[in-house]
Amino acid sequence: MYKSFYAEGALPFPLSRAASVQDEDSYLLVGGSNIETGEYVSTVMRFDPLEETFVIMPNVRLQVARGFATAMLVDALAFHECPEN
């Protein structure tokens, strides 16, 4: 069992309260709170292990900015398509 953790890569902005979820050989940070502004964000970031940086995924966003959320990957075929707002 691991008894410690370490930081990897710089975030595009200071972030807290984001959900994390494993994505193949990397992981995603979903939503959270921008520490500088105190506002919740709708961004989804993916850690690039080769570059050791977080990249904001330009075509993936939460519909509502939020923190303290839970995230999990599911097969898209399990859900009906959501209507555009």
PDB file of N, CA and C in Angstrom:
ATOM      1  N   MET A   1       0.841  -1.175   0.000  1.00  0.00           N
ATOM      2  CA  MET A   1       0.000   0.000   0.000  1.00  0.00           C
ATOM      3  C   MET A   1       0.887   1.239   0.000  1.00  0.00           C
ATOM      4  N   TYR A   2       0.471   2.240  -0.790  1.00  0.00           N
ATOM      5  CA  TYR A   2       1.212   3.490  -0.833  1.00  0.00           C
ATOM      6  C   TYR A   2       0.896   4.326   0.392  1.00  0.00           C
ATOM      7  N   LYS A   3       1.922   4.941   0.953  1.00  0.00           N
ATOM      8  CA  LYS A   3       1.726   5.761   2.144  1.00  0.00           C
ATOM      9  C   LYS A   3       2.012   7.228   1.874  1.00  0.00           C
ATOM     10  N   SER A   4       2.256   7.565   0.618  1.00  0.00           N
ATOM     11  CA  SER A   4       2.515   8.955   0.286  1.00  0.00           C
ATOM     12  C   SER A   4       2.109   9.204  -1.164  1.00  0.00           C
ATOM     13  N   PHE A   5       2.115  10.459  -1.541  1.00  0.00           N
ATOM     14  CA  PHE A   5       1.817  10.826  -2.915  1.00  0.00           C
ATOM     15  C   PHE A   5       2.773  11.940  -3.311  1.00  0.00           C
ATOM     16  N   TYR A   6       2.833  12.224  -4.589  1.00  0.00           N
ATOM     17  CA  TYR A   6       3.675  13.300  -5.058  1.00  0.00           C
ATOM     18  C   TYR A   6       2.963  14.032  -6.182  1.00  0.00           C
ATOM     19  N   ALA A   7       3.342  15.269  -6.396  1.00  0.00           N
ATOM     20  CA  ALA A   7       2.730  16.096  -7.429  1.00  0.00           C
ATOM     21  C   ALA A   7       3.404  15.840  -8.765  1.00  0.00           C
ATOM     22  N   GLU A   8       2.607  15.863  -9.813  1.00  0.00           N
ATOM     23  CA  GLU A   8       3.138  15.702 -11.159  1.00  0.00           C
ATOM     24  C   GLU A   8       2.657  16.843 -12.020  1.00  0.00           C
ATOM     25  N   GLY A   9       3.575  17.541 -12.641  1.00  0.00           N
ATOM     26  CA  GLY A   9       3.216  18.547 -13.628  1.00  0.00           C
ATOM     27  C   GLY A   9       2.496  19.744 -13.060  1.00  0.00           C
ATOM     28  N   ALA A  10       2.650  20.836 -13.761  1.00  0.00           N
ATOM     29  CA  ALA A  10       2.013  22.076 -13.355  1.00  0.00           C
ATOM     30  C   ALA A  10       0.597  22.143 -13.910  1.00  0.00           C
ATOM     31  N   LEU A  11      -0.300  22.672 -13.126  1.00  0.00           N
ATOM     32  CA  LEU A  11      -1.668  22.904 -13.570  1.00  0.00           C
ATOM     33  C   LEU A  11      -1.741  24.236 -14.303  1.00  0.00           C
ATOM     34  N   PRO A  12      -2.684  24.396 -15.240  1.00  0.00           N
ATOM     35  CA  PRO A  12      -2.832  25.683 -15.931  1.00  0.00           C
ATOM     36  C   PRO A  12      -3.235  26.816 -14.987  1.00  0.00           C
ATOM     37  N   PHE A  13      -3.865  26.469 -13.866  1.00  0.00           N
ATOM     38  CA  PHE A  13      -4.221  27.446 -12.832  1.00  0.00           C
ATOM     39  C   PHE A  13      -4.337  26.685 -11.512  1.00  0.00           C
ATOM     40  N   PRO A  14      -4.177  27.370 -10.381  1.00  0.00           N
ATOM     41  CA  PRO A  14      -4.262  26.692  -9.080  1.00  0.00           C
ATOM     42  C   PRO A  14      -5.649  26.077  -8.894  1.00  0.00           C
ATOM     43  N   LEU A  15      -5.718  24.811  -8.517  1.00  0.00           N
ATOM     44  CA  LEU A  15      -6.978  24.087  -8.485  1.00  0.00           C
ATOM     45  C   LEU A  15      -7.121  23.295  -7.193  1.00  0.00           C
ATOM     46  N   SER A  16      -8.333  23.276  -6.669  1.00  0.00           N
ATOM     47  CA  SER A  16      -8.656  22.408  -5.537  1.00  0.00           C
ATOM     48  C   SER A  16     -10.060  21.858  -5.762  1.00  0.00           C
ATOM     49  N   ARG A  17     -10.443  20.862  -4.984  1.00  0.00           N
ATOM     50  CA  ARG A  17     -11.794  20.298  -4.993  1.00  0.00           C
ATOM     51  C   ARG A  17     -12.201  19.677  -6.325  1.00  0.00           C
ATOM     52  N   ALA A  18     -11.231  19.269  -7.142  1.00  0.00           N
ATOM     53  CA  ALA A  18     -11.535  18.617  -8.421  1.00  0.00           C
ATOM     54  C   ALA A  18     -11.708  17.117  -8.206  1.00  0.00           C
ATOM     55  N   ALA A  19     -12.528  16.512  -9.040  1.00  0.00           N
ATOM     56  CA  ALA A  19     -12.655  15.053  -9.048  1.00  0.00           C
ATOM     57  C   ALA A  19     -11.543  14.500  -9.932  1.00  0.00           C
ATOM     58  N   SER A  20     -11.074  13.309  -9.632  1.00  0.00           N
ATOM     59  CA  SER A  20     -10.062  12.678 -10.484  1.00  0.00           C
ATOM     60  C   SER A  20     -10.559  11.302 -10.891  1.00  0.00           C
ATOM     61  N   VAL A  21     -10.167  10.909 -12.086  1.00  0.00           N
ATOM     62  CA  VAL A  21     -10.575   9.612 -12.611  1.00  0.00           C
ATOM     63  C   VAL A  21      -9.470   9.087 -13.523  1.00  0.00           C
ATOM     64  N   GLN A  22      -9.177   7.804 -13.398  1.00  0.00           N
ATOM     65  CA  GLN A  22      -8.146   7.193 -14.227  1.00  0.00           C
ATOM     66  C   GLN A  22      -8.640   7.081 -15.658  1.00  0.00           C
ATOM     67  N   ASP A  23      -7.754   7.363 -16.612  1.00  0.00           N
ATOM     68  CA  ASP A  23      -8.054   7.272 -18.037  1.00  0.00           C
ATOM     69  C   ASP A  23      -6.876   6.608 -18.720  1.00  0.00           C
ATOM     70  N   GLU A  24      -6.979   5.295 -18.944  1.00  0.00           N
ATOM     71  CA  GLU A  24      -5.914   4.490 -19.530  1.00  0.00           C
ATOM     72  C   GLU A  24      -4.624   4.690 -18.735  1.00  0.00           C
ATOM     73  N   ASP A  25      -3.577   5.239 -19.367  1.00  0.00           N
ATOM     74  CA  ASP A  25      -2.285   5.401 -18.688  1.00  0.00           C
ATOM     75  C   ASP A  25      -2.143   6.775 -18.038  1.00  0.00           C
ATOM     76  N   SER A  26      -3.237   7.477 -17.871  1.00  0.00           N
ATOM     77  CA  SER A  26      -3.209   8.830 -17.332  1.00  0.00           C
ATOM     78  C   SER A  26      -4.407   9.022 -16.401  1.00  0.00           C
ATOM     79  N   TYR A  27      -4.738  10.262 -16.132  1.00  0.00           N
ATOM     80  CA  TYR A  27      -5.928  10.553 -15.352  1.00  0.00           C
ATOM     81  C   TYR A  27      -6.461  11.929 -15.723  1.00  0.00           C
ATOM     82  N   LEU A  28      -7.726  12.134 -15.380  1.00  0.00           N
ATOM     83  CA  LEU A  28      -8.411  13.390 -15.657  1.00  0.00           C
ATOM     84  C   LEU A  28      -8.710  14.104 -14.352  1.00  0.00           C
ATOM     85  N   LEU A  29      -8.678  15.430 -14.387  1.00  0.00           N
ATOM     86  CA  LEU A  29      -9.170  16.263 -13.299  1.00  0.00           C
ATOM     87  C   LEU A  29     -10.424  16.938 -13.820  1.00  0.00           C
ATOM     88  N   VAL A  30     -11.521  16.783 -13.100  1.00  0.00           N
ATOM     89  CA  VAL A  30     -12.829  17.243 -13.558  1.00  0.00           C
ATOM     90  C   VAL A  30     -13.365  18.302 -12.602  1.00  0.00           C
ATOM     91  N   GLY A  31     -13.665  19.486 -13.163  1.00  0.00           N
ATOM     92  CA  GLY A  31     -14.214  20.561 -12.347  1.00  0.00           C
ATOM     93  C   GLY A  31     -13.256  21.003 -11.266  1.00  0.00           C
ATOM     94  N   GLY A  32     -13.809  21.479 -10.172  1.00  0.00           N
ATOM     95  CA  GLY A  32     -13.003  21.935  -9.055  1.00  0.00           C
ATOM     96  C   GLY A  32     -13.173  23.424  -8.831  1.00  0.00           C
ATOM     97  N   SER A  33     -12.308  23.968  -8.022  1.00  0.00           N
ATOM     98  CA  SER A  33     -12.353  25.385  -7.672  1.00  0.00           C
ATOM     99  C   SER A  33     -11.017  26.042  -7.997  1.00  0.00           C
ATOM    100  N   ASN A  34     -11.072  27.152  -8.722  1.00  0.00           N
ATOM    101  CA  ASN A  34      -9.876  27.932  -9.004  1.00  0.00           C
ATOM    102  C   ASN A  34      -9.480  28.625  -7.705  1.00  0.00           C
ATOM    103  N   ILE A  35      -8.321  28.289  -7.172  1.00  0.00           N
ATOM    104  CA  ILE A  35      -7.893  28.812  -5.877  1.00  0.00           C
ATOM    105  C   ILE A  35      -7.733  30.333  -5.907  1.00  0.00           C
ATOM    106  N   GLU A  36      -7.306  30.882  -7.035  1.00  0.00           N
ATOM    107  CA  GLU A  36      -7.093  32.331  -7.115  1.00  0.00           C
ATOM    108  C   GLU A  36      -8.399  33.112  -7.087  1.00  0.00           C
ATOM    109  N   THR A  37      -9.435  32.603  -7.762  1.00  0.00           N
ATOM    110  CA  THR A  37     -10.697  33.345  -7.855  1.00  0.00           C
ATOM    111  C   THR A  37     -11.758  32.831  -6.893  1.00  0.00           C
ATOM    112  N   GLY A  38     -11.596  31.588  -6.424  1.00  0.00           N
ATOM    113  CA  GLY A  38     -12.594  30.981  -5.557  1.00  0.00           C
ATOM    114  C   GLY A  38     -13.807  30.459  -6.303  1.00  0.00           C
ATOM    115  N   GLU A  39     -13.815  30.590  -7.624  1.00  0.00           N
ATOM    116  CA  GLU A  39     -14.953  30.163  -8.430  1.00  0.00           C
ATOM    117  C   GLU A  39     -14.793  28.708  -8.871  1.00  0.00           C
ATOM    118  N   TYR A  40     -15.929  28.011  -8.955  1.00  0.00           N
ATOM    119  CA  TYR A  40     -15.918  26.665  -9.512  1.00  0.00           C
ATOM    120  C   TYR A  40     -15.648  26.750 -11.011  1.00  0.00           C
ATOM    121  N   VAL A  41     -15.029  25.696 -11.557  1.00  0.00           N
ATOM    122  CA  VAL A  41     -14.695  25.654 -12.980  1.00  0.00           C
ATOM    123  C   VAL A  41     -15.388  24.470 -13.641  1.00  0.00           C
ATOM    124  N   SER A  42     -15.537  24.549 -14.950  1.00  0.00           N
ATOM    125  CA  SER A  42     -16.178  23.484 -15.714  1.00  0.00           C
ATOM    126  C   SER A  42     -15.170  22.723 -16.574  1.00  0.00           C
ATOM    127  N   THR A  43     -13.906  22.971 -16.371  1.00  0.00           N
ATOM    128  CA  THR A  43     -12.873  22.360 -17.212  1.00  0.00           C
ATOM    129  C   THR A  43     -12.647  20.888 -16.873  1.00  0.00           C
ATOM    130  N   VAL A  44     -12.167  20.178 -17.888  1.00  0.00           N
ATOM    131  CA  VAL A  44     -11.688  18.808 -17.732  1.00  0.00           C
ATOM    132  C   VAL A  44     -10.252  18.818 -18.246  1.00  0.00           C
ATOM    133  N   MET A  45      -9.319  18.400 -17.406  1.00  0.00           N
ATOM    134  CA  MET A  45      -7.899  18.386 -17.777  1.00  0.00           C
ATOM    135  C   MET A  45      -7.389  16.954 -17.784  1.00  0.00           C
ATOM    136  N   ARG A  46      -6.497  16.676 -18.714  1.00  0.00           N
ATOM    137  CA  ARG A  46      -5.874  15.353 -18.806  1.00  0.00           C
ATOM    138  C   ARG A  46      -4.387  15.511 -18.562  1.00  0.00           C
ATOM    139  N   PHE A  47      -3.830  14.628 -17.742  1.00  0.00           N
ATOM    140  CA  PHE A  47      -2.394  14.653 -17.499  1.00  0.00           C
ATOM    141  C   PHE A  47      -1.697  13.976 -18.656  1.00  0.00           C
ATOM    142  N   ASP A  48      -0.744  14.665 -19.264  1.00  0.00           N
ATOM    143  CA  ASP A  48       0.071  14.109 -20.344  1.00  0.00           C
ATOM    144  C   ASP A  48       1.352  13.575 -19.714  1.00  0.00           C
ATOM    145  N   PRO A  49       1.482  12.232 -19.575  1.00  0.00           N
ATOM    146  CA  PRO A  49       2.645  11.684 -18.889  1.00  0.00           C
ATOM    147  C   PRO A  49       3.968  11.897 -19.621  1.00  0.00           C
ATOM    148  N   LEU A  50       3.930  12.060 -20.931  1.00  0.00           N
ATOM    149  CA  LEU A  50       5.176  12.290 -21.676  1.00  0.00           C
ATOM    150  C   LEU A  50       5.706  13.700 -21.459  1.00  0.00           C
ATOM    151  N   GLU A  51       4.806  14.669 -21.448  1.00  0.00           N
ATOM    152  CA  GLU A  51       5.189  16.069 -21.247  1.00  0.00           C
ATOM    153  C   GLU A  51       5.171  16.481 -19.779  1.00  0.00           C
ATOM    154  N   GLU A  52       4.566  15.633 -18.929  1.00  0.00           N
ATOM    155  CA  GLU A  52       4.397  15.920 -17.503  1.00  0.00           C
ATOM    156  C   GLU A  52       3.695  17.252 -17.268  1.00  0.00           C
ATOM    157  N   THR A  53       2.604  17.444 -18.023  1.00  0.00           N
ATOM    158  CA  THR A  53       1.789  18.644 -17.879  1.00  0.00           C
ATOM    159  C   THR A  53       0.315  18.258 -17.930  1.00  0.00           C
ATOM    160  N   PHE A  54      -0.522  19.148 -17.452  1.00  0.00           N
ATOM    161  CA  PHE A  54      -1.960  18.985 -17.579  1.00  0.00           C
ATOM    162  C   PHE A  54      -2.431  19.796 -18.770  1.00  0.00           C
ATOM    163  N   VAL A  55      -3.310  19.210 -19.570  1.00  0.00           N
ATOM    164  CA  VAL A  55      -3.823  19.864 -20.761  1.00  0.00           C
ATOM    165  C   VAL A  55      -5.342  19.996 -20.615  1.00  0.00           C
ATOM    166  N   ILE A  56      -5.848  21.204 -20.787  1.00  0.00           N
ATOM    167  CA  ILE A  56      -7.295  21.398 -20.771  1.00  0.00           C
ATOM    168  C   ILE A  56      -7.854  20.792 -22.047  1.00  0.00           C
ATOM    169  N   MET A  57      -8.844  19.932 -21.904  1.00  0.00           N
ATOM    170  CA  MET A  57      -9.467  19.285 -23.052  1.00  0.00           C
ATOM    171  C   MET A  57     -10.470  20.276 -23.658  1.00  0.00           C
ATOM    172  N   PRO A  58     -10.186  20.812 -24.850  1.00  0.00           N
ATOM    173  CA  PRO A  58     -10.993  21.911 -25.388  1.00  0.00           C
ATOM    174  C   PRO A  58     -12.429  21.536 -25.737  1.00  0.00           C
ATOM    175  N   ASN A  59     -12.695  20.292 -26.042  1.00  0.00           N
ATOM    176  CA  ASN A  59     -14.044  19.887 -26.460  1.00  0.00           C
ATOM    177  C   ASN A  59     -14.821  19.163 -25.372  1.00  0.00           C
ATOM    178  N   VAL A  60     -14.301  19.188 -24.141  1.00  0.00           N
ATOM    179  CA  VAL A  60     -14.958  18.497 -23.038  1.00  0.00           C
ATOM    180  C   VAL A  60     -15.089  19.470 -21.875  1.00  0.00           C
ATOM    181  N   ARG A  61     -16.327  19.739 -21.460  1.00  0.00           N
ATOM    182  CA  ARG A  61     -16.581  20.630 -20.336  1.00  0.00           C
ATOM    183  C   ARG A  61     -17.789  20.125 -19.564  1.00  0.00           C
ATOM    184  N   LEU A  62     -17.849  20.477 -18.309  1.00  0.00           N
ATOM    185  CA  LEU A  62     -19.055  20.231 -17.531  1.00  0.00           C
ATOM    186  C   LEU A  62     -20.117  21.239 -17.971  1.00  0.00           C
ATOM    187  N   GLN A  63     -21.363  20.843 -17.970  1.00  0.00           N
ATOM    188  CA  GLN A  63     -22.426  21.795 -18.307  1.00  0.00           C
ATOM    189  C   GLN A  63     -22.570  22.855 -17.225  1.00  0.00           C
ATOM    190  N   VAL A  64     -22.271  22.470 -15.989  1.00  0.00           N
ATOM    191  CA  VAL A  64     -22.336  23.390 -14.859  1.00  0.00           C
ATOM    192  C   VAL A  64     -21.009  23.305 -14.105  1.00  0.00           C
ATOM    193  N   ALA A  65     -20.376  24.451 -13.883  1.00  0.00           N
ATOM    194  CA  ALA A  65     -19.126  24.468 -13.119  1.00  0.00           C
ATOM    195  C   ALA A  65     -19.410  23.975 -11.708  1.00  0.00           C
ATOM    196  N   ARG A  66     -18.534  23.093 -11.187  1.00  0.00           N
ATOM    197  CA  ARG A  66     -18.776  22.558  -9.845  1.00  0.00           C
ATOM    198  C   ARG A  66     -17.487  21.994  -9.256  1.00  0.00           C
ATOM    199  N   GLY A  67     -17.489  21.904  -7.941  1.00  0.00           N
ATOM    200  CA  GLY A  67     -16.421  21.249  -7.205  1.00  0.00           C
ATOM    201  C   GLY A  67     -17.027  20.188  -6.315  1.00  0.00           C
ATOM    202  N   PHE A  68     -16.210  19.428  -5.655  1.00  0.00           N
ATOM    203  CA  PHE A  68     -16.633  18.359  -4.756  1.00  0.00           C
ATOM    204  C   PHE A  68     -17.467  17.300  -5.479  1.00  0.00           C
ATOM    205  N   ALA A  69     -17.281  17.139  -6.774  1.00  0.00           N
ATOM    206  CA  ALA A  69     -18.066  16.179  -7.553  1.00  0.00           C
ATOM    207  C   ALA A  69     -17.383  14.812  -7.547  1.00  0.00           C
ATOM    208  N   THR A  70     -18.092  13.833  -8.046  1.00  0.00           N
ATOM    209  CA  THR A  70     -17.546  12.501  -8.259  1.00  0.00           C
ATOM    210  C   THR A  70     -17.520  12.266  -9.757  1.00  0.00           C
ATOM    211  N   ALA A  71     -16.450  11.677 -10.261  1.00  0.00           N
ATOM    212  CA  ALA A  71     -16.335  11.413 -11.697  1.00  0.00           C
ATOM    213  C   ALA A  71     -16.005   9.949 -11.921  1.00  0.00           C
ATOM    214  N   MET A  72     -16.526   9.405 -13.010  1.00  0.00           N
ATOM    215  CA  MET A  72     -16.172   8.049 -13.417  1.00  0.00           C
ATOM    216  C   MET A  72     -16.346   7.937 -14.920  1.00  0.00           C
ATOM    217  N   LEU A  73     -15.542   7.102 -15.535  1.00  0.00           N
ATOM    218  CA  LEU A  73     -15.659   6.857 -16.961  1.00  0.00           C
ATOM    219  C   LEU A  73     -16.677   5.752 -17.189  1.00  0.00           C
ATOM    220  N   VAL A  74     -17.556   5.960 -18.151  1.00  0.00           N
ATOM    221  CA  VAL A  74     -18.544   4.954 -18.521  1.00  0.00           C
ATOM    222  C   VAL A  74     -18.586   4.864 -20.041  1.00  0.00           C
ATOM    223  N   ASP A  75     -19.064   3.745 -20.542  1.00  0.00           N
ATOM    224  CA  ASP A  75     -19.204   3.558 -21.978  1.00  0.00           C
ATOM    225  C   ASP A  75     -20.306   4.478 -22.492  1.00  0.00           C
ATOM    226  N   ALA A  76     -19.999   5.325 -23.460  1.00  0.00           N
ATOM    227  CA  ALA A  76     -20.974   6.281 -23.989  1.00  0.00           C
ATOM    228  C   ALA A  76     -22.191   5.582 -24.577  1.00  0.00           C
ATOM    229  N   LEU A  77     -22.038   4.348 -25.018  1.00  0.00           N
ATOM    230  CA  LEU A  77     -23.167   3.621 -25.600  1.00  0.00           C
ATOM    231  C   LEU A  77     -24.231   3.268 -24.554  1.00  0.00           C
ATOM    232  N   ALA A  78     -23.895   3.393 -23.293  1.00  0.00           N
ATOM    233  CA  ALA A  78     -24.838   3.058 -22.228  1.00  0.00           C
ATOM    234  C   ALA A  78     -25.872   4.161 -22.006  1.00  0.00           C
ATOM    235  N   PHE A  79     -25.687   5.316 -22.627  1.00  0.00           N
ATOM    236  CA  PHE A  79     -26.579   6.455 -22.406  1.00  0.00           C
ATOM    237  C   PHE A  79     -27.130   6.975 -23.717  1.00  0.00           C
ATOM    238  N   HIS A  80     -28.314   7.552 -23.637  1.00  0.00           N
ATOM    239  CA  HIS A  80     -28.888   8.223 -24.797  1.00  0.00           C
ATOM    240  C   HIS A  80     -28.163   9.536 -24.996  1.00  0.00           C
ATOM    241  N   GLU A  81     -28.170  10.026 -26.199  1.00  0.00           N
ATOM    242  CA  GLU A  81     -27.530  11.306 -26.484  1.00  0.00           C
ATOM    243  C   GLU A  81     -28.269  12.429 -25.763  1.00  0.00           C
ATOM    244  N   CYS A  82     -27.518  13.334 -25.160  1.00  0.00           N
ATOM    245  CA  CYS A  82     -28.114  14.471 -24.451  1.00  0.00           C
ATOM    246  C   CYS A  82     -28.423  15.573 -25.447  1.00  0.00           C
ATOM    247  N   PRO A  83     -29.554  16.253 -25.292  1.00  0.00           N
ATOM    248  CA  PRO A  83     -29.870  17.367 -26.187  1.00  0.00           C
ATOM    249  C   PRO A  83     -28.946  18.543 -25.919  1.00  0.00           C
ATOM    250  N   GLU A  84     -28.691  19.319 -26.956  1.00  0.00           N
ATOM    251  CA  GLU A  84     -27.868  20.522 -26.807  1.00  0.00           C
ATOM    252  C   GLU A  84     -28.684  21.572 -26.084  1.00  0.00           C
ATOM    253  N   ASN A  85     -28.032  22.335 -25.213  1.00  0.00           N
ATOM    254  CA  ASN A  85     -28.723  23.445 -24.519  1.00  0.00           C
ATOM    255  C   ASN A  85     -28.514  24.722 -25.250  1.00  0.00           C
TER     256      ASN A  85
END
